[in-house]
Amino acid sequence: MKFAVRLNSFKTHLFFNSNEHPLSTLDYIKRMSAVKGLTHIELNYPEHFQGVSAEEIKQSLKKNHLKLSGVALRFKKNYAYGEFTNPDAGIREQAIQETIQAIEKCQALGGEITTIWLANDGFDYPFQLDYNQALAQEVDVLKRITSQFPDRKISLEYKPYQPRTFSLIGDIGTTLLVLDEVGSPNLGVTLDFCHMLMKKENPAYSLAWAARKKRLMGFHLNDGYNDNDDGLMLGTVHLLQTLEFIYYAKLYNYTGVNYFDTFPVRENPVQECEQNIKMYKTLEQFIDTVGLETVKQLIQEGDALKVQKLFLQLIQPN
């Protein structure tokens, strides 16, 4: 299995010796290499490429026995009013160029997927956005980018809100409709567990839709209390929904990277990541022990009591 984690989880100084010099992306990669079972990392663009070259990152990954799963867009400057739908044409073009650069960096470092989160494409008040115009701009930009890189996997990560009150692309249905309008086979969806909870989606159901439409490209695994992007450890709040999510990932033969998008602040990030890996493996092993066909039969019967009795074995095996 392939497991990845976010670099920013390792920026805390609570559990590491402080350094006199400012830490760089290369320092954080070294920290991440201490995680047992970690195979990949994901970098943000342009954040993690500042002050360091792609070649230096490549050599650091090799030295620390890690691979790059992909690059995620994090639009920082001038984007308060939107990225691909910004009313300023110059800023829209800047966002497009940053996305193109991120795809090129991902390719140069051997990454598989460039993930686009359009944090500011949305609205806060009624009468603040021309919805059809904004959707047309979104679709046109995505057509332009995906057609320029037909051999590269590009994925949309949706989130219902934060930082905007309403995101333009904020749920699985809207995302799939946008992907359908764009029509590019190399454009897919990345499912973030917390984001789905925020939208009151059942994560496994959203996964089933993404797989049904052959648009599933990636997972951001975490947990939370539904209304906020909490980024808690895997399975700590929604254990059975996490188990169901992993079941459907196995059912649909997902072979991509399992990326932990968690936010350890008071926890040792190395141990926190290792716990996420252990939890994923434990839940997957439980499904393997029960058997995919047995679980499938339970689902066909639709008997909630049988399901609960079976999955009690997970916490009370004897």
Foldseek 3Di string as FASTA:
>chain_A
DAAEEELVLQPACPPPDDDPDDDALLNSLLVQLLFPPHAEYEEEPPVRVPPHHLVRVLVSCVVSNHAYQFYEYDDDPPAQQWALQRPDPVRVVVSLVSQLVRQVSCVVRVHAEYEYETQRQDAADPPPDDLVSSLVSVLVSVLVNCVVPLPGAYEYEAAQHPPHPGHSRQALVSRVVSCVSSPRLRYAYEYEPLRCLLVVHLLLVSVVVRLVSPRYDYYAAADDDRNDPQQHAHCPPPVVSSLSNLLSCVVSVPPGYHYHHHRDHPDNSSVSSNVSVVSSVLSNVLCVVCDSVNVVVCVVVVDPVVVVVSCVCSVVVD
